Amino acid sequence: MTWVSGAFRARVLAARLVSEGIDARLSGSIDAPYGITVGDMARVDVFVPVSQVEDARYVLLADEVDAALAAPTEWWDAGAPARRRARWPWVVAATVVAGAVVGPIASLLRSW
């Protein structure tokens, strides 16, 4: 029916098809000893029975439509009040800088 790159994507696709009652079989580098995830060596073919091909196409189409209509991940906190930034990093940085500047000056004043 189709193919994907990588065993993880293939197993997710097969699980999605099986959850809809479609018998899916995987072939290719699904249980290879090396986890190749790019190129033709990572190709995993997904097979379904001829009688279920149309149903499987509808499932894949529905997944693509859902993915296209989903809100971008940058919107996960849309509408939430803005968070205040912590001031303690600035206080620590100012203290370190002040210590780096005041320390040598104090040691010079003591030596006079």
Protein backbone atom coordinates (compact mmCIF):
# COMPACT_ATOMS: atom_id res chain seq x y z
CA MET A 1 0.00 0.00 0.00
CA THR A 2 2.69 2.48 1.03
CA TRP A 3 6.14 2.71 2.56
CA VAL A 4 7.79 4.79 5.27
CA SER A 5 11.35 5.41 6.45
CA GLY A 6 12.23 3.85 9.77
CA ALA A 7 10.81 1.14 11.97
CA PHE A 8 9.21 3.55 14.45
CA ARG A 9 7.10 5.34 11.84
CA ALA A 10 6.15 1.98 10.31
CA ARG A 11 5.00 0.58 13.65
CA VAL A 12 2.98 3.72 14.40
CA LEU A 13 1.30 3.53 10.99
CA ALA A 14 0.56 -0.17 11.41
CA ALA A 15 -0.89 0.44 14.88
CA ARG A 16 -3.11 3.19 13.48
CA LEU A 17 -4.40 0.88 10.75
CA VAL A 18 -4.94 -2.02 13.15
CA SER A 19 -6.86 0.28 15.50
CA GLU A 20 -9.29 0.91 12.64
CA GLY A 21 -9.71 -2.83 12.02
CA ILE A 22 -7.39 -3.07 9.02
CA ASP A 23 -4.90 -5.94 8.87
CA ALA A 24 -1.49 -4.37 8.32
CA ARG A 25 1.75 -6.24 7.68
CA LEU A 26 5.24 -4.73 7.67
CA SER A 27 8.13 -5.79 5.49
CA GLY A 28 11.63 -4.45 5.07
CA SER A 29 14.11 -3.27 7.65
CA ILE A 30 11.63 -3.55 10.48
CA ASP A 31 13.70 -5.78 12.76
CA ALA A 32 17.15 -5.05 11.37
CA PRO A 33 20.03 -5.20 13.83
CA TYR A 34 21.09 -1.68 12.82
CA GLY A 35 18.75 1.24 13.39
CA ILE A 36 19.11 2.88 9.98
CA THR A 37 16.63 5.73 9.64
CA VAL A 38 17.61 7.36 6.32
CA GLY A 39 17.74 6.34 2.71
CA ASP A 40 16.52 3.22 0.98
CA MET A 41 17.95 0.94 3.67
CA ALA A 42 15.40 2.32 6.15
CA ARG A 43 12.44 1.61 3.87
CA VAL A 44 9.61 -0.37 5.46
CA ASP A 45 6.73 -1.46 3.24
CA VAL A 46 3.22 -1.49 4.68
CA PHE A 47 0.91 -4.09 3.17
CA VAL A 48 -2.85 -4.42 3.62
CA PRO A 49 -5.27 -6.94 2.08
CA VAL A 50 -6.72 -5.91 -1.28
CA SER A 51 -10.21 -5.85 0.21
CA GLN A 52 -9.13 -3.23 2.77
CA VAL A 53 -7.04 -0.92 0.59
CA GLU A 54 -9.77 1.72 0.20
CA ASP A 55 -10.44 1.80 3.94
CA ALA A 56 -6.71 2.13 4.62
CA ARG A 57 -6.47 5.03 2.15
CA TYR A 58 -9.30 6.81 3.97
CA VAL A 59 -7.53 6.34 7.29
CA LEU A 60 -4.29 7.76 5.90
CA LEU A 61 -6.16 10.66 4.29
CA ALA A 62 -7.93 11.44 7.57
CA ASP A 63 -4.57 11.46 9.38
CA GLU A 64 -3.10 13.86 6.82
CA VAL A 65 -6.10 16.19 7.07
CA ASP A 66 -5.92 16.15 10.88
CA ALA A 67 -2.21 16.95 10.75
CA ALA A 68 -2.78 19.81 8.30
CA LEU A 69 -5.58 21.35 10.37
CA ALA A 70 -3.86 21.01 13.73
CA ALA A 71 -2.66 24.16 15.41
CA PRO A 72 1.07 24.79 15.28
CA THR A 73 3.02 23.75 18.35
CA GLU A 74 3.86 27.39 19.05
CA TRP A 75 0.22 27.91 20.03
CA TRP A 76 0.23 25.49 22.96
CA ASP A 77 0.05 28.33 25.49
CA ALA A 78 -2.06 30.80 23.48
CA GLY A 79 -4.33 32.83 25.71
CA ALA A 80 -2.37 32.09 28.86
CA PRO A 81 -1.22 35.12 30.83
CA ALA A 82 2.36 36.11 30.20
CA ARG A 83 4.79 34.65 32.72
CA ARG A 84 6.95 36.96 34.76
CA ARG A 85 10.61 36.43 34.31
CA ALA A 86 12.61 35.60 37.38
CA ARG A 87 14.84 38.39 38.68
CA TRP A 88 17.27 36.24 40.61
CA PRO A 89 19.59 35.52 37.63
CA TRP A 90 20.10 39.25 37.17
CA VAL A 91 20.74 39.75 40.88
CA VAL A 92 23.32 36.94 40.90
CA ALA A 93 25.01 38.31 37.76
CA ALA A 94 25.15 41.84 39.21
CA THR A 95 26.60 40.50 42.46
CA VAL A 96 29.32 38.57 40.61
CA VAL A 97 30.21 41.59 38.47
CA ALA A 98 30.26 43.87 41.51
CA GLY A 99 32.50 41.43 43.35
CA ALA A 100 34.84 41.23 40.36
CA VAL A 101 35.09 45.02 40.21
CA VAL A 102 35.02 45.95 43.91
CA GLY A 103 37.39 43.18 45.07
CA PRO A 104 40.48 44.36 43.17
CA ILE A 105 39.75 48.00 44.02
CA ALA A 106 39.45 47.15 47.72
CA SER A 107 42.76 45.25 47.65
CA LEU A 108 44.47 48.25 45.98
CA LEU A 109 43.09 50.61 48.62
CA ARG A 110 44.38 48.37 51.44
CA SER A 111 47.86 48.33 50.01
CA TRP A 112 48.11 52.16 49.99
